[in-house]
Every structure is written in structure tokens, then in C-alpha cells.
């Protein structure tokens, strides 16, 4: 199913994490940064929803791809818009979670 949206400024940030060389380590870190949300979409690939002020550097640090205490290598991209073909459950997850109340998180 096709999907497309241009993200509005008041929504949470959507990130794509991919090309991860140690998926198990990243999965463990993703589970520990609640209330941020993640969806595994393939081996070493996730969509992540975080508060709108979150930077790619901050997400990298939290999941072990940053400069301090790296556990793997990979790529993180902040999506300002998206388009593609995927199952409807992925598009529904993005639409629902970009507007979710994430509460507060602790600083890196």
C-alpha cells in the first residue's frame, strides 16, 4: 500500500535507522529509551518516533551509533517527509505514533 505525508512541525520526529552491523545491540538500546517508540521493519532496520526536538546525533548516542560508547555502526536519518510502498500496518503505525504523547525522557 502506498503512503505519503509531509510532517507538521508540532508532531514527533520520525527517524529511519538502517545498515546496522549489530542489530541485537541496537534493539536492546531501543527498548531502553522509553517512551520513544520503535518499529523493526527489517534486519538492522527500524523506524523510530522521538520528541520533535530530538537530533540525529542524540538518537545515535542513545542507540550506540555515536561517538561515546559505540556498540555498532549504522545510519540514522531524520525523515521530514516520506513516500513509498509498504504494508498498511507500517503507514498506520507512523500516522498514529507521530502524534503520540511521548512524555519526557532523560537527557543523554
Protein backbone atom coordinates (compact mmCIF):
# COMPACT_ATOMS: atom_id res chain seq x y z
CA UNK A 1 0.00 0.00 0.00
CA UNK A 2 1.33 3.46 -0.84
CA UNK A 3 1.63 6.19 1.73
CA UNK A 4 2.78 9.78 1.85
CA UNK A 5 2.74 12.57 4.38
CA UNK A 6 4.57 15.82 4.98
CA UNK A 7 5.23 16.04 8.70
CA UNK A 8 3.94 19.10 10.52
CA UNK A 9 6.15 20.97 12.99
CA UNK A 10 4.12 20.00 16.07
CA UNK A 11 4.39 16.27 15.50
CA UNK A 12 7.04 13.95 16.88
CA UNK A 13 10.13 13.32 14.78
CA UNK A 14 10.35 10.24 12.55
CA UNK A 15 13.76 8.63 12.06
CA UNK A 16 14.94 5.74 9.90
CA UNK A 17 17.77 3.59 11.29
CA UNK A 18 19.43 1.21 8.84
CA UNK A 19 22.63 -0.57 7.76
CA UNK A 20 23.23 -1.56 11.39
CA UNK A 21 26.03 -4.09 11.85
CA UNK A 22 24.96 -5.25 15.33
CA UNK A 23 21.13 -5.30 15.30
CA UNK A 24 20.85 -7.05 18.68
CA UNK A 25 22.74 -4.25 20.46
CA UNK A 26 20.60 -1.56 18.84
CA UNK A 27 17.37 -3.44 19.61
CA UNK A 28 18.38 -3.63 23.27
CA UNK A 29 19.15 0.11 23.36
CA UNK A 30 15.88 0.97 21.59
CA UNK A 31 13.93 -0.93 24.23
CA UNK A 32 15.66 1.12 26.92
CA UNK A 33 14.80 4.62 25.66
CA UNK A 34 11.11 4.60 26.50
CA UNK A 35 8.90 6.48 25.98
CA UNK A 36 10.40 6.76 22.50
CA UNK A 37 8.81 4.30 20.08
CA UNK A 38 10.40 1.99 17.53
CA UNK A 39 9.22 -0.42 14.88
CA UNK A 40 11.51 -3.09 13.44
CA UNK A 41 10.94 -3.13 9.68
CA UNK A 42 13.76 -5.49 8.68
CA UNK A 43 17.08 -6.91 9.86
CA UNK A 44 19.07 -3.95 11.18
CA UNK A 45 16.28 -1.51 10.20
CA UNK A 46 13.89 0.47 12.40
CA UNK A 47 11.56 3.41 12.33
CA UNK A 48 11.87 5.49 15.49
CA UNK A 49 9.50 8.13 16.84
CA UNK A 50 11.03 10.65 19.26
CA UNK A 51 10.12 14.13 20.52
CA UNK A 52 10.33 16.78 17.79
CA UNK A 53 13.45 18.43 19.26
CA UNK A 54 15.47 15.19 19.02
CA UNK A 55 18.51 15.33 16.74
CA UNK A 56 20.04 12.52 14.71
CA UNK A 57 23.18 12.83 16.86
CA UNK A 58 21.14 12.36 20.05
CA UNK A 59 19.43 9.27 18.65
CA UNK A 60 22.78 7.87 17.51
CA UNK A 61 24.22 8.31 21.01
CA UNK A 62 21.21 6.64 22.63
CA UNK A 63 21.29 3.56 20.40
CA UNK A 64 25.05 3.02 20.34
CA UNK A 65 25.97 4.55 16.97
CA UNK A 66 27.50 7.73 18.38
CA UNK A 67 30.93 8.85 19.46
CA UNK A 68 30.65 7.94 23.14
CA UNK A 69 30.47 4.19 23.82
CA UNK A 70 29.67 2.96 20.29
CA UNK A 71 28.46 -0.65 20.06
CA UNK A 72 27.87 -0.84 16.30
CA UNK A 73 27.86 1.12 13.08
CA UNK A 74 24.86 2.20 11.06
CA UNK A 75 22.98 5.17 9.65
CA UNK A 76 20.27 7.37 11.19
CA UNK A 77 18.21 9.73 9.02
CA UNK A 78 15.50 12.13 10.20
CA UNK A 79 12.53 11.94 7.84
CA UNK A 80 10.84 15.27 7.14
CA UNK A 81 8.51 13.55 4.70
CA UNK A 82 8.10 10.06 3.32
CA UNK A 83 6.67 8.12 0.43
CA UNK A 84 6.81 4.50 -0.62
CA UNK A 85 5.15 1.13 -0.70
CA UNK A 86 4.81 -0.97 2.43
CA UNK A 87 2.14 -2.81 4.37
CA UNK A 88 -0.72 -0.68 5.65
CA UNK A 89 0.30 -1.52 9.23
CA UNK A 90 3.53 0.47 8.79
CA UNK A 91 1.70 3.56 7.48
CA UNK A 92 -0.84 3.27 10.31
CA UNK A 93 1.97 2.97 12.88
CA UNK A 94 3.67 6.11 11.53
CA UNK A 95 0.43 8.11 11.43
CA UNK A 96 -0.56 7.08 14.96
CA UNK A 97 2.84 7.41 16.62
CA UNK A 98 3.91 10.75 15.14
CA UNK A 99 1.03 12.30 17.10
CA UNK A 100 1.51 10.24 20.29
CA UNK A 101 2.22 11.82 23.67
CA UNK A 102 5.75 10.62 24.46
CA UNK A 103 6.02 12.23 27.87
CA UNK A 104 9.53 13.12 28.98
CA UNK A 105 12.88 11.43 28.58
CA UNK A 106 16.12 11.75 30.45
CA UNK A 107 18.97 13.65 28.78
CA UNK A 108 21.78 11.72 27.08
